[in-house]
C-alpha atoms as a PDB file:
ATOM      1  CA  MET A   1      30.659  -9.241  40.947  1.00  0.00           C
ATOM      2  CA  ALA A   2      31.592  -9.913  37.337  1.00  0.00           C
ATOM      3  CA  LYS A   3      29.027 -12.625  37.011  1.00  0.00           C
ATOM      4  CA  GLU A   4      26.138 -10.223  37.870  1.00  0.00           C
ATOM      5  CA  LEU A   5      27.494  -7.655  35.395  1.00  0.00           C
ATOM      6  CA  GLU A   6      27.592 -10.262  32.585  1.00  0.00           C
ATOM      7  CA  LYS A   7      24.135 -11.463  33.470  1.00  0.00           C
ATOM      8  CA  TYR A   8      22.698  -7.929  33.079  1.00  0.00           C
ATOM      9  CA  LYS A   9      24.655  -7.374  29.853  1.00  0.00           C
ATOM     10  CA  ALA A  10      23.234 -10.538  28.392  1.00  0.00           C
ATOM     11  CA  GLU A  11      19.713  -9.630  29.455  1.00  0.00           C
ATOM     12  CA  PHE A  12      20.097  -6.208  27.844  1.00  0.00           C
ATOM     13  CA  ALA A  13      21.316  -7.788  24.615  1.00  0.00           C
ATOM     14  CA  ALA A  14      18.305 -10.169  24.640  1.00  0.00           C
ATOM     15  CA  VAL A  15      15.913  -7.208  25.228  1.00  0.00           C
ATOM     16  CA  LYS A  16      17.437  -5.187  22.307  1.00  0.00           C
ATOM     17  CA  LYS A  17      17.032  -8.191  20.091  1.00  0.00           C
ATOM     18  CA  GLN A  18      13.372  -8.597  20.940  1.00  0.00           C
ATOM     19  CA  ILE A  19      12.783  -4.882  20.306  1.00  0.00           C
ATOM     20  CA  ALA A  20      14.676  -5.129  17.013  1.00  0.00           C
ATOM     21  CA  ALA A  21      12.474  -8.069  15.969  1.00  0.00           C
ATOM     22  CA  ALA A  22       9.315  -6.131  16.955  1.00  0.00           C
ATOM     23  CA  THR A  23      10.473  -3.157  14.875  1.00  0.00           C
ATOM     24  CA  GLU A  24      10.917  -5.369  11.798  1.00  0.00           C
ATOM     25  CA  GLU A  25       7.408  -6.736  12.294  1.00  0.00           C
ATOM     26  CA  ILE A  26       6.004  -3.126  12.373  1.00  0.00           C
ATOM     27  CA  LYS A  27       7.937  -2.231   9.208  1.00  0.00           C
ATOM     28  CA  LYS A  28       6.614  -5.340   7.509  1.00  0.00           C
ATOM     29  CA  TYR A  29       3.090  -4.583   8.624  1.00  0.00           C
ATOM     30  CA  GLU A  30       3.202  -0.917   7.591  1.00  0.00           C
ATOM     31  CA  GLN A  31       4.581  -1.696   4.146  1.00  0.00           C
ATOM     32  CA  SER A  32       2.065  -4.504   3.575  1.00  0.00           C
ATOM     33  CA  VAL A  33      -1.014  -2.527   4.615  1.00  0.00           C
ATOM     34  CA  GLY A  34       0.299   0.598   2.804  1.00  0.00           C
ATOM     35  CA  GLN A  35       0.919  -1.127  -0.476  1.00  0.00           C
ATOM     36  CA  THR A  36      -2.184  -3.225  -0.411  1.00  0.00           C
ATOM     37  CA  SER A  37      -4.260  -0.169   0.442  1.00  0.00           C
ATOM     38  CA  GLN A  38      -2.815   1.574  -2.646  1.00  0.00           C
ATOM     39  CA  VAL A  39      -3.732  -1.397  -4.871  1.00  0.00           C
ATOM     40  CA  ARG A  40      -7.198  -1.563  -3.333  1.00  0.00           C
ATOM     41  CA  ASN A  41      -7.769   2.186  -3.840  1.00  0.00           C
ATOM     42  CA  GLN A  42      -6.497   1.896  -7.440  1.00  0.00           C
ATOM     43  CA  GLY A  43      -9.052  -0.868  -7.846  1.00  0.00           C
ATOM     44  CA  CYS A  44     -11.745   1.564  -6.760  1.00  0.00           C
ATOM     45  CA  LEU A  45     -10.717   3.997  -9.470  1.00  0.00           C
ATOM     46  CA  GLU A  46     -10.715   1.224 -11.939  1.00  0.00           C
ATOM     47  CA  LEU A  47     -14.237   0.321 -10.786  1.00  0.00           C
ATOM     48  CA  GLY A  48     -15.332   3.916 -11.443  1.00  0.00           C
ATOM     49  CA  LEU A  49     -13.982   3.612 -14.977  1.00  0.00           C
ATOM     50  CA  GLU A  50     -15.879   0.284 -15.528  1.00  0.00           C
ATOM     51  CA  ILE A  51     -19.138   1.859 -14.246  1.00  0.00           C
ATOM     52  CA  GLN A  52     -18.591   4.831 -16.482  1.00  0.00           C
ATOM     53  CA  ARG A  53     -18.129   2.443 -19.406  1.00  0.00           C
ATOM     54  CA  CYS A  54     -21.502   0.837 -18.500  1.00  0.00           C
ATOM     55  CA  LYS A  55     -23.107   4.226 -18.422  1.00  0.00           C
ATOM     56  CA  ASP A  56     -21.490   5.090 -21.751  1.00  0.00           C
ATOM     57  CA  ASP A  57     -23.118   1.904 -23.160  1.00  0.00           C
ATOM     58  CA  GLY A  58     -26.493   3.118 -21.955  1.00  0.00           C
ATOM     59  CA  HIS A  59     -26.789   1.332 -18.623  1.00  0.00           C
ATOM     60  CA  GLN A  60     -28.443   3.432 -15.940  1.00  0.00           C
ATOM     61  CA  GLY A  61     -28.065   3.196 -12.148  1.00  0.00           C
ATOM     62  CA  LYS A  62     -27.422   5.187  -8.945  1.00  0.00           C
ATOM     63  CA  SER A  63     -25.580   2.531  -6.911  1.00  0.00           C
ATOM     64  CA  ILE A  64     -22.771  -0.007  -7.580  1.00  0.00           C
ATOM     65  CA  SER A  65     -25.233  -2.872  -7.192  1.00  0.00           C
ATOM     66  CA  ASP A  66     -27.045  -1.543 -10.337  1.00  0.00           C
ATOM     67  CA  PHE A  67     -23.909  -2.494 -12.332  1.00  0.00           C
ATOM     68  CA  GLU A  68     -22.902  -5.692 -10.725  1.00  0.00           C
ATOM     69  CA  SER A  69     -24.452  -7.796 -13.561  1.00  0.00           C
ATOM     70  CA  ASP A  70     -21.625  -6.542 -15.709  1.00  0.00           C
ATOM     71  CA  SER A  71     -18.757  -9.164 -15.651  1.00  0.00           C
ATOM     72  CA  ASP A  72     -15.903  -6.552 -15.518  1.00  0.00           C
ATOM     73  CA  VAL A  73     -17.603  -4.596 -12.654  1.00  0.00           C
ATOM     74  CA  LYS A  74     -18.242  -7.836 -10.761  1.00  0.00           C
ATOM     75  CA  ALA A  75     -14.560  -8.963 -11.210  1.00  0.00           C
ATOM     76  CA  CYS A  76     -13.305  -5.572 -10.112  1.00  0.00           C
ATOM     77  CA  LEU A  77     -15.445  -5.609  -6.972  1.00  0.00           C
ATOM     78  CA  LYS A  78     -14.206  -9.118  -6.127  1.00  0.00           C
ATOM     79  CA  SER A  79     -10.594  -7.956  -6.496  1.00  0.00           C
ATOM     80  CA  ILE A  80     -11.201  -4.888  -4.233  1.00  0.00           C
ATOM     81  CA  GLN A  81     -12.690  -7.132  -1.534  1.00  0.00           C
ATOM     82  CA  GLU A  82      -9.838  -9.559  -1.690  1.00  0.00           C
ATOM     83  CA  PHE A  83      -7.411  -6.751  -1.077  1.00  0.00           C
ATOM     84  CA  GLN A  84      -9.469  -5.490   1.727  1.00  0.00           C
ATOM     85  CA  LYS A  85      -9.410  -9.028   3.293  1.00  0.00           C
ATOM     86  CA  GLN A  86      -5.597  -8.988   2.978  1.00  0.00           C
ATOM     87  CA  ILE A  87      -5.482  -5.681   4.865  1.00  0.00           C
ATOM     88  CA  GLU A  88      -7.766  -6.992   7.657  1.00  0.00           C
ATOM     89  CA  LYS A  89      -5.798 -10.213   7.884  1.00  0.00           C
ATOM     90  CA  GLU A  90      -2.524  -8.236   8.315  1.00  0.00           C
ATOM     91  CA  ILE A  91      -4.023  -5.966  10.937  1.00  0.00           C
ATOM     92  CA  THR A  92      -5.293  -9.034  12.877  1.00  0.00           C
ATOM     93  CA  ARG A  93      -1.946 -10.664  12.645  1.00  0.00           C
ATOM     94  CA  VAL A  94       0.097  -7.745  13.894  1.00  0.00           C
ATOM     95  CA  ALA A  95      -2.444  -6.962  16.658  1.00  0.00           C
ATOM     96  CA  ALA A  96      -1.917 -10.460  18.110  1.00  0.00           C
ATOM     97  CA  ILE A  97       1.811 -10.063  17.977  1.00  0.00           C
ATOM     98  CA  GLN A  98       1.574  -6.561  19.563  1.00  0.00           C
ATOM     99  CA  LYS A  99      -0.522  -7.862  22.418  1.00  0.00           C
ATOM    100  CA  LYS A 100       1.835 -10.764  23.172  1.00  0.00           C
ATOM    101  CA  ASP A 101       5.357 -10.244  21.865  1.00  0.00           C
ATOM    102  CA  PHE A 102       5.621  -6.392  21.846  1.00  0.00           C
ATOM    103  CA  ALA A 103       4.108  -6.160  25.337  1.00  0.00           C
ATOM    104  CA  ALA A 104       6.445  -8.901  26.619  1.00  0.00           C
ATOM    105  CA  ALA A 105       9.449  -7.182  25.178  1.00  0.00           C
ATOM    106  CA  THR A 106       8.698  -3.689  26.747  1.00  0.00           C
ATOM    107  CA  LYS A 107       7.797  -5.353  29.999  1.00  0.00           C
ATOM    108  CA  ARG A 108      11.119  -7.270  29.988  1.00  0.00           C
ATOM    109  CA  TYR A 109      12.961  -4.084  29.333  1.00  0.00           C
ATOM    110  CA  ARG A 110      11.330  -2.236  32.223  1.00  0.00           C
ATOM    111  CA  GLN A 111      11.961  -5.147  34.595  1.00  0.00           C
ATOM    112  CA  LEU A 112      15.668  -5.135  33.529  1.00  0.00           C
ATOM    113  CA  LYS A 113      15.949  -1.383  34.191  1.00  0.00           C
ATOM    114  CA  ALA A 114      14.306  -1.767  37.586  1.00  0.00           C
ATOM    115  CA  ASP A 115      16.502  -4.713  38.610  1.00  0.00           C
ATOM    116  CA  LEU A 116      19.689  -3.031  37.344  1.00  0.00           C
ATOM    117  CA  ARG A 117      18.832   0.210  39.183  1.00  0.00           C
ATOM    118  CA  ALA A 118      18.084  -1.751  42.450  1.00  0.00           C
ATOM    119  CA  GLU A 119      21.417  -3.591  42.111  1.00  0.00           C
ATOM    120  CA  CYS A 120      23.303  -0.266  41.720  1.00  0.00           C
ATOM    121  CA  ASP A 121      21.444   1.201  44.738  1.00  0.00           C
ATOM    122  CA  LYS A 122      22.227  -1.879  46.841  1.00  0.00           C
ATOM    123  CA  ARG A 123      25.875  -1.754  46.044  1.00  0.00           C
ATOM    124  CA  ASP A 124      26.009   1.953  46.666  1.00  0.00           C
ATOM    125  CA  ALA A 125      24.594   1.365  50.178  1.00  0.00           C
ATOM    126  CA  LYS A 126      27.063  -1.428  50.870  1.00  0.00           C
ATOM    127  CA  LYS A 127      29.942   0.767  49.703  1.00  0.00           C
ATOM    128  CA  ASN A 128      28.869   3.667  51.970  1.00  0.00           C
ATOM    129  CA  ARG A 129      28.762   1.346  54.957  1.00  0.00           C
ATOM    130  CA  LYS A 130      31.934  -0.348  53.968  1.00  0.00           C
ATOM    131  CA  VAL A 131      30.196  -3.702  54.024  1.00  0.00           C
ATOM    132  CA  LEU A 132      31.356  -6.334  51.441  1.00  0.00           C
ATOM    133  CA  PRO A 133      33.597  -3.919  49.557  1.00  0.00           C
ATOM    134  CA  ILE A 134      34.034  -6.513  46.769  1.00  0.00           C
ATOM    135  CA  ASP A 135      30.503  -5.629  45.715  1.00  0.00           C
ATOM    136  CA  ALA A 136      31.667  -2.116  44.798  1.00  0.00           C
ATOM    137  CA  GLN A 137      34.304  -3.377  42.344  1.00  0.00           C
ATOM    138  CA  SER A 138      31.813  -3.798  39.468  1.00  0.00           C
ATOM    139  CA  LEU A 139      29.703  -0.812  40.473  1.00  0.00           C
ATOM    140  CA  PRO A 140      31.107   1.695  37.937  1.00  0.00           C
ATOM    141  CA  ASP A 141      30.501  -0.861  35.099  1.00  0.00           C
ATOM    142  CA  LEU A 142      27.035  -1.539  36.430  1.00  0.00           C
ATOM    143  CA  LYS A 143      26.202   2.237  36.424  1.00  0.00           C
ATOM    144  CA  THR A 144      27.642   2.648  32.941  1.00  0.00           C
ATOM    145  CA  LEU A 145      25.341  -0.253  31.769  1.00  0.00           C
ATOM    146  CA  LEU A 146      22.332   1.319  33.666  1.00  0.00           C
ATOM    147  CA  ASP A 147      22.949   4.614  31.831  1.00  0.00           C
ATOM    148  CA  LYS A 148      22.875   2.749  28.408  1.00  0.00           C
ATOM    149  CA  VAL A 149      19.708   0.868  29.485  1.00  0.00           C
ATOM    150  CA  GLU A 150      17.919   4.075  30.584  1.00  0.00           C
ATOM    151  CA  LYS A 151      18.909   5.911  27.315  1.00  0.00           C
ATOM    152  CA  PHE A 152      17.537   2.955  25.274  1.00  0.00           C
ATOM    153  CA  GLU A 153      14.013   3.843  26.441  1.00  0.00           C
ATOM    154  CA  ASP A 154      14.257   7.117  24.498  1.00  0.00           C
ATOM    155  CA  SER A 155      15.578   5.500  21.395  1.00  0.00           C
ATOM    156  CA  GLY A 156      13.393   5.644  18.250  1.00  0.00           C
ATOM    157  CA  GLU A 157      13.388   1.889  17.967  1.00  0.00           C
ATOM    158  CA  PHE A 158      12.128   1.298  21.490  1.00  0.00           C
ATOM    159  CA  VAL A 159       9.526   4.185  21.356  1.00  0.00           C
ATOM    160  CA  ARG A 160       8.165   2.869  18.055  1.00  0.00           C
ATOM    161  CA  VAL A 161       7.441  -0.535  19.657  1.00  0.00           C
ATOM    162  CA  ASP A 162       6.288   0.927  22.972  1.00  0.00           C
ATOM    163  CA  ILE A 163       3.664   3.275  21.427  1.00  0.00           C
ATOM    164  CA  PHE A 164       2.612   1.127  18.483  1.00  0.00           C
ATOM    165  CA  VAL A 165      -1.107   0.654  17.942  1.00  0.00           C
ATOM    166  CA  PRO A 166      -2.408  -1.328  14.864  1.00  0.00           C
ATOM    167  CA  ASP A 167      -4.818   0.360  12.461  1.00  0.00           C
ATOM    168  CA  SER A 168      -8.484  -0.064  13.076  1.00  0.00           C
ATOM    169  CA  ILE A 169     -10.112  -2.544  10.745  1.00  0.00           C
ATOM    170  CA  ALA A 170     -13.336  -0.450  11.134  1.00  0.00           C
ATOM    171  CA  ASP A 171     -11.485   2.611   9.853  1.00  0.00           C
ATOM    172  CA  HIS A 172     -10.235   0.790   6.838  1.00  0.00           C
ATOM    173  CA  LYS A 173     -13.739  -0.423   6.150  1.00  0.00           C
ATOM    174  CA  LYS A 174     -14.969   3.152   6.300  1.00  0.00           C
ATOM    175  CA  GLU A 175     -12.294   4.305   3.948  1.00  0.00           C
ATOM    176  CA  LEU A 176     -13.222   1.617   1.489  1.00  0.00           C
ATOM    177  CA  ASP A 177     -16.933   2.498   1.699  1.00  0.00           C
ATOM    178  CA  LYS A 178     -15.967   6.091   0.859  1.00  0.00           C
ATOM    179  CA  LYS A 179     -13.869   5.025  -2.121  1.00  0.00           C
ATOM    180  CA  LEU A 180     -16.641   2.837  -3.375  1.00  0.00           C
ATOM    181  CA  GLN A 181     -19.204   5.649  -3.012  1.00  0.00           C
ATOM    182  CA  ASN A 182     -16.834   7.975  -4.979  1.00  0.00           C
ATOM    183  CA  ALA A 183     -16.580   5.325  -7.664  1.00  0.00           C
ATOM    184  CA  ILE A 184     -20.281   5.687  -8.458  1.00  0.00           C
ATOM    185  CA  SER A 185     -20.813   9.304  -7.501  1.00  0.00           C
ATOM    186  CA  GLN A 186     -18.005  10.641  -9.723  1.00  0.00           C
ATOM    187  CA  THR A 187     -19.275   8.990 -12.836  1.00  0.00           C
ATOM    188  CA  LYS A 188     -21.431  10.950 -15.250  1.00  0.00           C
ATOM    189  CA  ASP A 189     -24.045  10.253 -17.934  1.00  0.00           C
ATOM    190  CA  VAL A 190     -22.441  10.837 -21.316  1.00  0.00           C
ATOM    191  CA  LYS A 191     -23.612  14.058 -22.713  1.00  0.00           C
ATOM    192  CA  LEU A 192     -20.850  16.279 -24.107  1.00  0.00           C
ATOM    193  CA  SER A 193     -21.078  20.033 -24.050  1.00  0.00           C
ATOM    194  CA  THR A 194     -20.058  22.154 -26.945  1.00  0.00           C
ATOM    195  CA  PHE A 195     -16.888  23.024 -25.180  1.00  0.00           C
ATOM    196  CA  GLN A 196     -16.103  19.311 -24.524  1.00  0.00           C
ATOM    197  CA  GLN A 197     -16.796  18.516 -28.156  1.00  0.00           C
ATOM    198  CA  GLN A 198     -14.355  21.258 -29.198  1.00  0.00           C
ATOM    199  CA  MET A 199     -11.627  20.141 -26.856  1.00  0.00           C
ATOM    200  CA  ILE A 200     -11.920  16.467 -27.968  1.00  0.00           C
ATOM    201  CA  GLN A 201     -11.907  17.657 -31.581  1.00  0.00           C
ATOM    202  CA  GLN A 202      -8.594  19.328 -30.880  1.00  0.00           C
ATOM    203  CA  GLY A 203      -7.304  15.940 -29.787  1.00  0.00           C
ATOM    204  CA  LEU A 204      -8.127  14.575 -33.147  1.00  0.00           C
ATOM    205  CA  ASP A 205      -5.722  16.932 -34.800  1.00  0.00           C
ATOM    206  CA  GLU A 206      -2.952  14.918 -36.401  1.00  0.00           C
ATOM    207  CA  ARG A 207      -0.094  16.555 -34.547  1.00  0.00           C
ATOM    208  CA  ARG A 208      -1.902  16.437 -31.240  1.00  0.00           C
ATOM    209  CA  MET A 209      -2.937  12.817 -31.711  1.00  0.00           C
ATOM    210  CA  LYS A 210       0.570  11.887 -32.563  1.00  0.00           C
ATOM    211  CA  LYS A 211       1.828  13.454 -29.313  1.00  0.00           C
ATOM    212  CA  ASN A 212      -0.917  11.661 -27.283  1.00  0.00           C
ATOM    213  CA  LEU A 213      -0.054   8.343 -28.954  1.00  0.00           C
ATOM    214  CA  ALA A 214       3.533   8.687 -27.942  1.00  0.00           C
ATOM    215  CA  LEU A 215       2.538   9.336 -24.369  1.00  0.00           C
ATOM    216  CA  ALA A 216       0.171   6.398 -24.447  1.00  0.00           C
ATOM    217  CA  THR A 217       2.832   4.077 -25.963  1.00  0.00           C
ATOM    218  CA  LYS A 218       5.239   5.175 -23.223  1.00  0.00           C
ATOM    219  CA  SER A 219       2.747   4.318 -20.481  1.00  0.00           C
ATOM    220  CA  PHE A 220       1.717   1.030 -22.251  1.00  0.00           C
ATOM    221  CA  LYS A 221       5.308  -0.113 -22.450  1.00  0.00           C
ATOM    222  CA  GLU A 222       5.918   0.685 -18.781  1.00  0.00           C
ATOM    223  CA  LEU A 223       2.596  -1.116 -17.840  1.00  0.00           C
ATOM    224  CA  MET A 224       3.720  -4.226 -19.726  1.00  0.00           C
ATOM    225  CA  ALA A 225       7.183  -4.055 -18.111  1.00  0.00           C
ATOM    226  CA  GLN A 226       5.629  -3.912 -14.637  1.00  0.00           C
ATOM    227  CA  CYS A 227       3.287  -6.859 -15.533  1.00  0.00           C
ATOM    228  CA  THR A 228       6.313  -8.914 -16.626  1.00  0.00           C
ATOM    229  CA  ALA A 229       8.147  -8.088 -13.524  1.00  0.00           C
ATOM    230  CA  ALA A 230       5.133  -8.986 -11.473  1.00  0.00           C
ATOM    231  CA  ASN A 231       4.991 -12.358 -13.129  1.00  0.00           C
ATOM    232  CA  ASP A 232       8.686 -12.802 -12.277  1.00  0.00           C
ATOM    233  CA  ALA A 233       7.929 -11.968  -8.693  1.00  0.00           C
ATOM    234  CA  ILE A 234       5.106 -14.539  -8.661  1.00  0.00           C
ATOM    235  CA  LYS A 235       7.485 -17.235  -9.892  1.00  0.00           C
ATOM    236  CA  GLU A 236      10.159 -16.264  -7.303  1.00  0.00           C
ATOM    237  CA  ARG A 237       7.470 -16.032  -4.515  1.00  0.00           C
ATOM    238  CA  LYS A 238       8.374 -12.337  -3.680  1.00  0.00           C
ATOM    239  CA  SER A 239       5.270 -10.883  -2.188  1.00  0.00           C
ATOM    240  CA  LYS A 240       6.734  -7.401  -1.609  1.00  0.00           C
ATOM    241  CA  GLN A 241       7.920  -6.921  -5.121  1.00  0.00           C
ATOM    242  CA  LEU A 242       4.618  -8.223  -6.507  1.00  0.00           C
ATOM    243  CA  LEU A 243       2.681  -5.608  -4.668  1.00  0.00           C
ATOM    244  CA  GLU A 244       5.015  -2.884  -5.828  1.00  0.00           C
ATOM    245  CA  HIS A 245       4.700  -3.906  -9.497  1.00  0.00           C
ATOM    246  CA  LYS A 246       0.902  -4.124  -9.089  1.00  0.00           C
ATOM    247  CA  VAL A 247       0.784  -0.524  -7.872  1.00  0.00           C
ATOM    248  CA  LEU A 248       2.971   0.832 -10.635  1.00  0.00           C
ATOM    249  CA  ALA A 249       1.105  -1.135 -13.324  1.00  0.00           C
ATOM    250  CA  ALA A 250      -2.221   0.174 -12.039  1.00  0.00           C
ATOM    251  CA  LYS A 251      -0.851   3.734 -12.172  1.00  0.00           C
ATOM    252  CA  GLU A 252       0.191   3.354 -15.798  1.00  0.00           C
ATOM    253  CA  LEU A 253      -3.232   1.875 -16.724  1.00  0.00           C
ATOM    254  CA  LYS A 254      -4.847   4.925 -15.157  1.00  0.00           C
ATOM    255  CA  THR A 255      -2.600   7.183 -17.253  1.00  0.00           C
ATOM    256  CA  LEU A 256      -3.418   5.250 -20.393  1.00  0.00           C
ATOM    257  CA  SER A 257      -7.129   5.374 -19.514  1.00  0.00           C
ATOM    258  CA  GLU A 258      -6.984   9.153 -19.214  1.00  0.00           C
ATOM    259  CA  LEU A 259      -5.341   9.442 -22.659  1.00  0.00           C
ATOM    260  CA  VAL A 260      -7.771   7.019 -24.277  1.00  0.00           C
ATOM    261  CA  ASP A 261     -11.082   8.232 -22.604  1.00  0.00           C
ATOM    262  CA  PRO A 262     -11.437  11.439 -24.833  1.00  0.00           C
ATOM    263  CA  TYR A 263     -11.266   9.362 -28.027  1.00  0.00           C
ATOM    264  CA  GLU A 264     -13.671   6.754 -26.562  1.00  0.00           C
ATOM    265  CA  GLN A 265     -16.099   9.621 -25.887  1.00  0.00           C
ATOM    266  CA  ALA A 266     -15.620  10.836 -29.381  1.00  0.00           C
ATOM    267  CA  LEU A 267     -16.944   7.572 -30.833  1.00  0.00           C
ATOM    268  CA  LYS A 268     -20.156   7.991 -28.799  1.00  0.00           C
ATOM    269  CA  ASP A 269     -20.843  11.444 -29.917  1.00  0.00           C
ATOM    270  CA  ASP A 270     -22.616  11.774 -33.359  1.00  0.00           C
ATOM    271  CA  TRP A 271     -21.028  15.174 -34.200  1.00  0.00           C
ATOM    272  CA  LEU A 272     -17.486  13.915 -33.411  1.00  0.00           C
ATOM    273  CA  LYS A 273     -18.016  10.630 -35.176  1.00  0.00           C
ATOM    274  CA  SER A 274     -18.766  12.546 -38.331  1.00  0.00           C
ATOM    275  CA  LYS A 275     -15.393  14.308 -37.974  1.00  0.00           C
ATOM    276  CA  ILE A 276     -13.613  10.947 -37.483  1.00  0.00           C
ATOM    277  CA  ARG A 277     -15.333   8.989 -40.252  1.00  0.00           C
ATOM    278  CA  GLY A 278     -13.033   8.907 -43.335  1.00  0.00           C
ATOM    279  CA  ASN A 279     -10.171  10.485 -41.441  1.00  0.00           C
ATOM    280  CA  ARG A 280      -7.558   7.768 -41.785  1.00  0.00           C
ATOM    281  CA  HIS A 281      -5.142   9.042 -39.208  1.00  0.00           C
ATOM    282  CA  ALA A 282      -7.847   9.534 -36.607  1.00  0.00           C
ATOM    283  CA  GLU A 283      -9.402   6.103 -37.218  1.00  0.00           C
ATOM    284  CA  ASP A 284      -6.003   4.330 -37.047  1.00  0.00           C
ATOM    285  CA  GLY A 285      -4.923   6.416 -34.063  1.00  0.00           C
ATOM    286  CA  ILE A 286      -8.148   5.545 -32.093  1.00  0.00           C
ATOM    287  CA  LYS A 287      -7.763   1.864 -32.878  1.00  0.00           C
ATOM    288  CA  ALA A 288      -4.202   1.999 -31.565  1.00  0.00           C
ATOM    289  CA  PHE A 289      -5.301   3.716 -28.345  1.00  0.00           C
ATOM    290  CA  GLN A 290      -8.049   1.119 -27.885  1.00  0.00           C
ATOM    291  CA  LYS A 291      -5.734  -1.847 -28.496  1.00  0.00           C
ATOM    292  CA  MET A 292      -3.173  -0.608 -25.960  1.00  0.00           C
ATOM    293  CA  TYR A 293      -5.744  -0.044 -23.311  1.00  0.00           C
ATOM    294  CA  THR A 294      -7.389  -3.387 -23.882  1.00  0.00           C
ATOM    295  CA  VAL A 295      -4.270  -5.374 -23.835  1.00  0.00           C
ATOM    296  CA  GLY A 296      -2.818  -3.502 -20.880  1.00  0.00           C
ATOM    297  CA  LYS A 297      -6.077  -3.964 -18.928  1.00  0.00           C
ATOM    298  CA  SER A 298      -6.097  -7.610 -19.744  1.00  0.00           C
ATOM    299  CA  GLU A 299      -2.513  -8.128 -18.569  1.00  0.00           C
ATOM    300  CA  LEU A 300      -3.082  -6.318 -15.327  1.00  0.00           C
ATOM    301  CA  LYS A 301      -6.160  -8.398 -14.571  1.00  0.00           C
ATOM    302  CA  LYS A 302      -4.036 -11.538 -14.865  1.00  0.00           C
ATOM    303  CA  ILE A 303      -1.944 -10.503 -11.884  1.00  0.00           C
ATOM    304  CA  ALA A 304      -4.433  -8.362  -9.918  1.00  0.00           C
ATOM    305  CA  ASN A 305      -5.829 -11.176  -7.798  1.00  0.00           C
ATOM    306  CA  VAL A 306      -2.620 -13.185  -7.452  1.00  0.00           C
ATOM    307  CA  LYS A 307      -1.476 -13.465  -3.798  1.00  0.00           C
ATOM    308  CA  ILE A 308       1.664 -14.939  -2.320  1.00  0.00           C
ATOM    309  CA  ASP A 309       1.250 -16.135   1.281  1.00  0.00           C
END
């Protein structure tokens, strides 16, 4: 009967719509957790740099708590924890949807497949007994639909929803604990070896410094562009774009930090300071490095904790 066929077609269309919606939720979840994890992990790297700065200034300690009195370290930790909360919130959200909506969609699909197969079997039996031959008129179309329904179970879209399991919050906490431990364990007390002194001195060469300044300027401009784009995303309430710009800005700040760090170390080493003192190009160059890093870091902090619900 045509009515039965249309009923099953409509049900199949409804099931596919549910599975498509579930797939979009999974994509949204994976993107959100992935990007937020990147920003959080970048924050842990920044925390390490802040702790190193504290050590460079003479502060001693073996754990992160030993440096929490520093305002920048404290702010960095707060930002990291905020991003961790975002991750946990998203995991909790999608876990609830998976338990209710995803499960309902896959259950509805399997019920449709069972009902359609039973309908085809029933009509086959009637056809063979030559009972109610009118039932057999829609049988080829029903079997064609059944074939499509059965193949849908092997589609990437359905499988993705069927086997989906949210991340473990406990695993993300363990990952964060490890990142935080690395932030402190990878810092060092400032004491340059002769080799390090020589390598940094090479960086004070006018030609080498000019090259490093060009690289730093490039990273600084890109960092500022990403911060500007992030602020635009905040105004336009675009959460996805905001996260992307945060990740890219943090990446550029890390590059800038790596370029600036040797010169910062040079200013804390008496032998190297003697080489810098009176050297106009070295003094001006280091000031330029420091200004770019300070401004870039300040701009990134303005957007680091901004969230769009």
